[in-house]
Structure formats: C-alpha cells, structure tokens
Amino acid sequence: MFFSRMEDFLEKNIEGFFNRKFSSKLQLAEIEKILDRLLIRHKKRVNRAIFVPDNFVITISPNDYTELNTIEVLIKLKLFLYKSVIMKDYFMHKKPVITILKSPELKLGVCDIKTTFSTETEIQNTISSDNTGTQGTIVVPPNDRELFAKSPKINQELKFASLTIAEGPDKDSYMEIGDKQIHIGRRDSNEFIITDINVSRLHAYITFENGRHILHDANSLNGTSVNDTQISSFCLCPGDKIQIGNTIIIYDIL
C-alpha cells in the first residue's frame, strides 16, 4: 500500500515538474542563439567574401506566437542579425526578412527556423542548387497554413552602428547609423558635420551594401585613411579608425 501511494505521488509530482520545467515559454535569447548558429552553419563563400542567408522563417507554438509576434521582437531580431553579420565579418546580400509563423504541431518553448538566400539575389547563381532552400528546419503541415499570420512590418530605420570622433576639433561628437547613406564633411547638409578646416565640404560618405557599412572617399583634397592606410573605399569593421584631415573617427557596433 505504501509503495502504491508513493508511485502515485511520484507520478503526479515528478511528471508535473518536468512538464513545467520543459514547457516554459520561448525566450528571445534562445531564438537569437539559433539564428547565430544558422549564420555560421550555412555561410557560403563567394570569391573572397562570406555570405549568409537573408530570409528567416521562424515557426513557434500558438502560445509563443501570441507573445513574440510583435514589432518590438522583430526589431530586436533584425538588430541582432545586423550586428552579428558585421561582428563576424560576413555579408548579407539583402536586408534580412523575418517572418514569424505559428503551428499547432509545435509545443510551447519549441522553435523551428528555416533560413534561405533570397531567390532574387545575384549570389544565388553562385550557390549550389542542391543547397538552396535547405538551410535549417521547419515543421509546418501544409493543411495548417490558414493558421499562419504575417509578421508586423517595421517602418522605422534601425540603428546598429556608431561614429564617434576621438580626435579633432569636434571631439566626442557622436552619431548612430543604420542602413541609410551618411555624408561626412564641413557642409551644413551633411548628416555628420565636421568643422575641421582640413576636411573637405563633402569629404567622405558611408553606404550600406550587402549588410555592411562601406566608407568611400568623395575625391577629397586631403584623402581618407582607415587604420593609417589611405583608401578610396573600405568595408568597415568594429574599432576601425577613420582619419579625415586632423579628425579621427571610430566606427563601432552599438
């Protein structure tokens, strides 16, 4: 009798413990870890550059979907991808597209992610067709598609890098940048204005290409250098020192 009651107690309480333990809600940090692993796992070398997928379909349980299919979550995931690509010195041909779906086949706390390269990208032709569209996994029965909903759209510009003047007349001037082109120099219409008299009115500009910030010299009088080397264009990495005139600008990730 004692052992029978003990078995009932253990069955109810231990089973309940494991259900609570392993059926917790999905956390944003868990999705970020999976995305980071997928970037590393499915990178493709194109000439001397390493490209990573730019389409991400994240499928979660209906309960997790209610909590995570928000503008705030999408912004955080996109910022994570932008930063991860730059920190790893990778390239992403197009801006990341993230879609969050729900499936009743998935339990609470479970996340399935499918990653693909955009079919419209130029690098698609350089990637083996055997690998195209096979990155990651997703568990979504076709007959459950009516349960899917589109992720909310992000209209605001995302800022994920910064320019800080370390030396020069405008020391400590600071600007956060995203995927918009930035013009640097003395003219008032520049996004990043520098008062250094040795800097041209339009001295340099930064574009956002293939997921990276590219610094270009704008045919300036005194030239543009990165890490003590004169450049005409340069793909920026965190910690790079940009020198224009007597001004040194540090590029970094937020």
Protein backbone atom coordinates (compact mmCIF):
# COMPACT_ATOMS: atom_id res chain seq x y z
CA MET A 1 0.00 0.00 0.00
CA PHE A 2 2.83 2.36 0.92
CA PHE A 3 4.67 1.78 -2.36
CA SER A 4 1.46 2.16 -4.35
CA ARG A 5 0.80 5.55 -2.79
CA MET A 6 4.45 6.53 -3.33
CA GLU A 7 4.21 5.63 -7.01
CA ASP A 8 1.09 7.76 -7.39
CA PHE A 9 2.82 10.66 -5.63
CA LEU A 10 5.97 10.42 -7.78
CA GLU A 11 4.00 10.01 -10.99
CA LYS A 12 1.87 13.09 -10.37
CA ASN A 13 4.53 15.36 -8.94
CA ILE A 14 7.58 14.40 -10.97
CA GLU A 15 5.63 14.38 -14.21
CA GLY A 16 4.18 17.76 -13.31
CA PHE A 17 7.66 19.07 -12.52
CA PHE A 18 9.07 18.05 -15.90
CA ASN A 19 6.05 19.43 -17.73
CA ARG A 20 6.56 22.80 -16.04
CA LYS A 21 10.33 22.60 -16.49
CA PHE A 22 10.37 21.80 -20.18
CA SER A 23 7.20 23.59 -21.29
CA SER A 24 8.31 27.10 -20.46
CA LYS A 25 7.75 29.98 -22.85
CA LEU A 26 10.21 30.58 -25.66
CA GLN A 27 12.71 33.34 -24.89
CA LEU A 28 14.07 35.85 -27.38
CA ALA A 29 17.64 34.93 -26.38
CA GLU A 30 17.00 31.33 -27.46
CA ILE A 31 15.91 32.45 -30.93
CA GLU A 32 18.99 34.66 -31.22
CA LYS A 33 21.29 31.74 -30.34
CA ILE A 34 19.70 29.57 -33.03
CA LEU A 35 19.96 32.36 -35.62
CA ASP A 36 23.62 32.86 -34.75
CA ARG A 37 24.35 29.14 -35.21
CA LEU A 38 22.50 29.10 -38.54
CA LEU A 39 24.55 32.03 -39.85
CA ILE A 40 27.73 30.13 -39.08
CA ARG A 41 26.44 26.79 -40.34
CA HIS A 42 25.01 27.97 -43.66
CA LYS A 43 27.51 30.62 -44.74
CA LYS A 44 28.62 30.46 -48.36
CA ARG A 45 31.95 31.69 -49.70
CA VAL A 46 31.61 33.80 -52.84
CA ASN A 47 35.03 34.70 -54.18
CA ARG A 48 36.75 36.14 -51.08
CA ALA A 49 33.59 37.14 -49.24
CA ILE A 50 31.38 35.04 -46.98
CA PHE A 51 27.64 35.49 -47.48
CA VAL A 52 24.90 34.33 -45.12
CA PRO A 53 21.15 33.78 -45.65
CA ASP A 54 18.87 36.80 -45.59
CA ASN A 55 15.43 35.17 -45.26
CA PHE A 56 14.32 33.72 -41.94
CA VAL A 57 11.05 31.91 -41.23
CA ILE A 58 10.58 31.30 -37.52
CA THR A 59 7.81 28.88 -36.56
CA ILE A 60 6.64 28.64 -32.97
CA SER A 61 3.71 27.38 -30.95
CA PRO A 62 0.44 29.37 -30.92
CA ASN A 63 1.03 30.44 -27.31
CA ASP A 64 4.58 31.64 -28.01
CA TYR A 65 3.31 33.33 -31.17
CA THR A 66 0.96 35.50 -29.13
CA GLU A 67 3.89 36.77 -27.07
CA LEU A 68 6.58 37.05 -29.75
CA ASN A 69 4.89 38.19 -32.96
CA THR A 70 5.37 41.89 -32.21
CA ILE A 71 7.16 44.86 -33.75
CA GLU A 72 9.48 45.03 -30.74
CA VAL A 73 10.64 41.42 -31.16
CA LEU A 74 11.17 41.82 -34.92
CA ILE A 75 13.24 44.95 -34.33
CA LYS A 76 15.42 43.19 -31.79
CA LEU A 77 15.94 40.19 -34.07
CA LYS A 78 16.86 42.37 -37.05
CA LEU A 79 19.27 44.40 -34.96
CA PHE A 80 20.81 41.15 -33.72
CA LEU A 81 21.31 39.93 -37.30
CA TYR A 82 22.82 43.23 -38.49
CA LYS A 83 25.30 43.23 -35.61
CA SER A 84 26.13 39.55 -35.91
CA VAL A 85 26.93 39.87 -39.63
CA ILE A 86 29.26 42.83 -39.03
CA MET A 87 30.96 41.30 -35.99
CA LYS A 88 31.65 38.06 -37.89
CA ASP A 89 32.90 39.93 -40.97
CA TYR A 90 30.19 38.31 -43.12
CA PHE A 91 27.99 39.79 -45.85
CA MET A 92 24.24 39.62 -46.39
CA HIS A 93 23.14 40.48 -49.92
CA LYS A 94 19.78 41.95 -48.89
CA LYS A 95 18.31 43.33 -45.71
CA PRO A 96 17.09 40.48 -43.51
CA VAL A 97 13.46 39.45 -43.88
CA ILE A 98 11.98 37.76 -40.82
CA THR A 99 8.61 36.06 -40.80
CA ILE A 100 7.11 34.60 -37.64
CA LEU A 101 4.57 31.82 -38.08
CA LYS A 102 2.65 29.56 -35.74
CA SER A 103 1.93 25.85 -35.91
CA PRO A 104 -0.16 23.68 -33.57
CA GLU A 105 2.37 20.91 -34.18
CA LEU A 106 4.93 22.72 -32.05
CA LYS A 107 4.94 22.65 -28.27
CA LEU A 108 5.40 25.66 -26.03
CA GLY A 109 9.05 26.72 -25.97
CA VAL A 110 9.95 24.95 -29.24
CA CYS A 111 11.33 26.93 -32.17
CA ASP A 112 11.91 25.77 -35.76
CA ILE A 113 13.73 28.09 -38.14
CA LYS A 114 14.21 27.88 -41.89
CA THR A 115 16.85 30.07 -43.49
CA THR A 116 17.26 30.72 -47.21
CA PHE A 117 19.09 33.04 -49.56
CA SER A 118 16.82 35.42 -51.48
CA THR A 119 15.98 33.97 -54.87
CA GLU A 120 16.44 37.45 -56.35
CA THR A 121 19.99 37.94 -55.15
CA GLU A 122 22.91 37.93 -57.54
CA ILE A 123 24.81 35.49 -55.37
CA GLN A 124 22.10 32.88 -55.84
CA ASN A 125 23.74 31.79 -59.11
CA THR A 126 26.97 31.07 -57.27
CA ILE A 127 25.32 28.80 -54.70
CA SER A 128 24.77 25.15 -55.49
CA SER A 129 21.14 24.39 -56.26
CA ASP A 130 21.47 21.31 -54.09
CA ASN A 131 21.85 23.54 -51.05
CA THR A 132 19.40 26.29 -51.94
CA GLY A 133 16.40 26.39 -49.66
CA THR A 134 17.55 23.54 -47.43
CA GLN A 135 19.08 25.53 -44.59
CA GLY A 136 17.53 25.00 -41.19
CA THR A 137 14.36 23.05 -40.50
CA ILE A 138 10.70 23.82 -40.15
CA VAL A 139 7.81 21.65 -39.03
CA VAL A 140 4.69 23.01 -40.69
CA PRO A 141 2.00 20.73 -42.07
CA PRO A 142 0.57 22.15 -45.36
CA ASN A 143 -3.00 21.90 -44.10
CA ASP A 144 -2.23 24.26 -41.22
CA ARG A 145 -1.31 27.23 -43.39
CA GLU A 146 -4.59 29.00 -42.65
CA LEU A 147 -3.34 29.39 -39.07
CA PHE A 148 -0.38 31.46 -40.19
CA ALA A 149 -0.33 35.23 -39.91
CA LYS A 150 2.11 37.69 -41.40
CA SER A 151 4.59 39.35 -39.11
CA PRO A 152 4.06 43.07 -38.50
CA LYS A 153 6.09 45.39 -40.73
CA ILE A 154 8.89 47.62 -39.46
CA ASN A 155 8.82 51.13 -40.90
CA GLN A 156 11.40 52.87 -38.73
CA GLU A 157 15.10 52.98 -39.55
CA LEU A 158 17.13 50.69 -37.32
CA LYS A 159 20.41 52.00 -35.87
CA PHE A 160 23.07 49.40 -35.09
CA ALA A 161 26.45 51.13 -35.51
CA SER A 162 28.06 54.39 -34.43
CA LEU A 163 30.60 57.04 -35.40
CA THR A 164 32.50 58.75 -32.58
CA ILE A 165 35.09 61.48 -33.05
CA ALA A 166 38.10 60.55 -30.89
CA GLU A 167 40.44 63.35 -32.00
CA GLY A 168 39.95 66.72 -33.65
CA PRO A 169 38.01 69.98 -33.15
CA ASP A 170 34.73 68.09 -32.81
CA LYS A 171 35.99 65.53 -30.26
CA ASP A 172 33.24 63.44 -28.64
CA SER A 173 30.73 64.17 -31.43
CA TYR A 174 28.67 61.03 -31.87
CA MET A 175 26.19 59.62 -34.35
CA GLU A 176 24.26 56.37 -34.57
CA ILE A 177 23.86 54.96 -38.08
CA GLY A 178 21.82 52.25 -39.78
CA ASP A 179 21.16 51.41 -43.41
CA LYS A 180 20.91 54.99 -44.74
CA GLN A 181 23.72 56.73 -46.62
CA ILE A 182 25.73 59.12 -44.44
CA HIS A 183 27.66 62.11 -45.80
CA ILE A 184 30.67 63.41 -43.85
CA GLY A 185 32.30 66.83 -44.15
CA ARG A 186 32.05 70.58 -43.44
CA ARG A 187 28.92 71.45 -45.42
CA ASP A 188 25.74 72.05 -43.44
CA SER A 189 23.69 69.50 -45.38
CA ASN A 190 25.88 66.57 -44.31
CA GLU A 191 24.42 64.11 -41.83
CA PHE A 192 27.74 64.06 -39.93
CA ILE A 193 29.15 67.60 -39.86
CA ILE A 194 32.84 68.18 -39.08
CA THR A 195 34.30 71.67 -38.53
CA ASP A 196 37.95 70.66 -39.09
CA ILE A 197 39.36 73.14 -41.66
CA ASN A 198 41.43 70.33 -43.21
CA VAL A 199 38.25 68.44 -44.08
CA SER A 200 36.52 68.99 -47.42
CA ARG A 201 32.92 70.20 -47.63
CA LEU A 202 31.94 66.69 -48.72
CA HIS A 203 34.91 64.63 -47.65
CA ALA A 204 33.56 61.08 -47.46
CA TYR A 205 30.35 59.11 -47.30
CA ILE A 206 29.17 55.77 -45.93
CA THR A 207 26.84 53.44 -47.79
CA PHE A 208 25.17 50.24 -46.59
CA GLU A 209 25.81 47.40 -49.01
CA ASN A 210 25.44 43.64 -48.56
CA GLY A 211 24.81 44.09 -44.85
CA ARG A 212 27.96 46.17 -44.28
CA HIS A 213 28.95 49.80 -43.96
CA ILE A 214 31.26 50.87 -46.78
CA LEU A 215 33.31 54.06 -46.39
CA HIS A 216 34.04 55.98 -49.61
CA ASP A 217 36.37 58.92 -50.13
CA ALA A 218 34.48 61.66 -52.04
CA ASN A 219 37.52 62.82 -54.05
CA SER A 220 38.55 64.89 -51.03
CA LEU A 221 41.54 67.24 -51.13
CA ASN A 222 43.49 65.56 -48.30
CA GLY A 223 42.22 62.00 -48.71
CA THR A 224 40.68 59.49 -46.32
CA SER A 225 42.53 56.84 -44.30
CA VAL A 226 41.43 53.82 -42.29
CA ASN A 227 43.85 52.40 -39.72
CA ASP A 228 46.66 54.54 -41.20
CA THR A 229 46.12 53.30 -44.77
CA GLN A 230 44.73 55.64 -47.42
CA ILE A 231 41.60 54.29 -49.10
CA SER A 232 39.17 55.05 -51.89
CA SER A 233 36.57 52.69 -50.43
CA PHE A 234 36.69 50.37 -47.44
CA CYS A 235 34.43 47.85 -45.68
CA LEU A 236 34.30 48.95 -42.06
CA CYS A 237 34.78 46.65 -39.06
CA PRO A 238 34.22 47.44 -35.37
CA GLY A 239 37.07 49.51 -33.93
CA ASP A 240 38.30 50.90 -37.26
CA LYS A 241 39.90 54.35 -37.06
CA ILE A 242 38.87 56.68 -39.86
CA GLN A 243 41.09 59.73 -40.40
CA ILE A 244 39.98 62.74 -42.42
CA GLY A 245 42.03 65.91 -42.03
CA ASN A 246 43.04 66.15 -38.37
CA THR A 247 39.95 64.27 -37.26
CA ILE A 248 39.86 60.63 -36.19
CA ILE A 249 36.51 58.84 -36.15
CA ILE A 250 35.93 55.46 -34.51
CA TYR A 251 33.44 53.09 -36.13
CA ASP A 252 31.77 50.60 -33.80
CA ILE A 253 28.70 48.46 -33.17
CA LEU A 254 26.04 49.59 -30.69
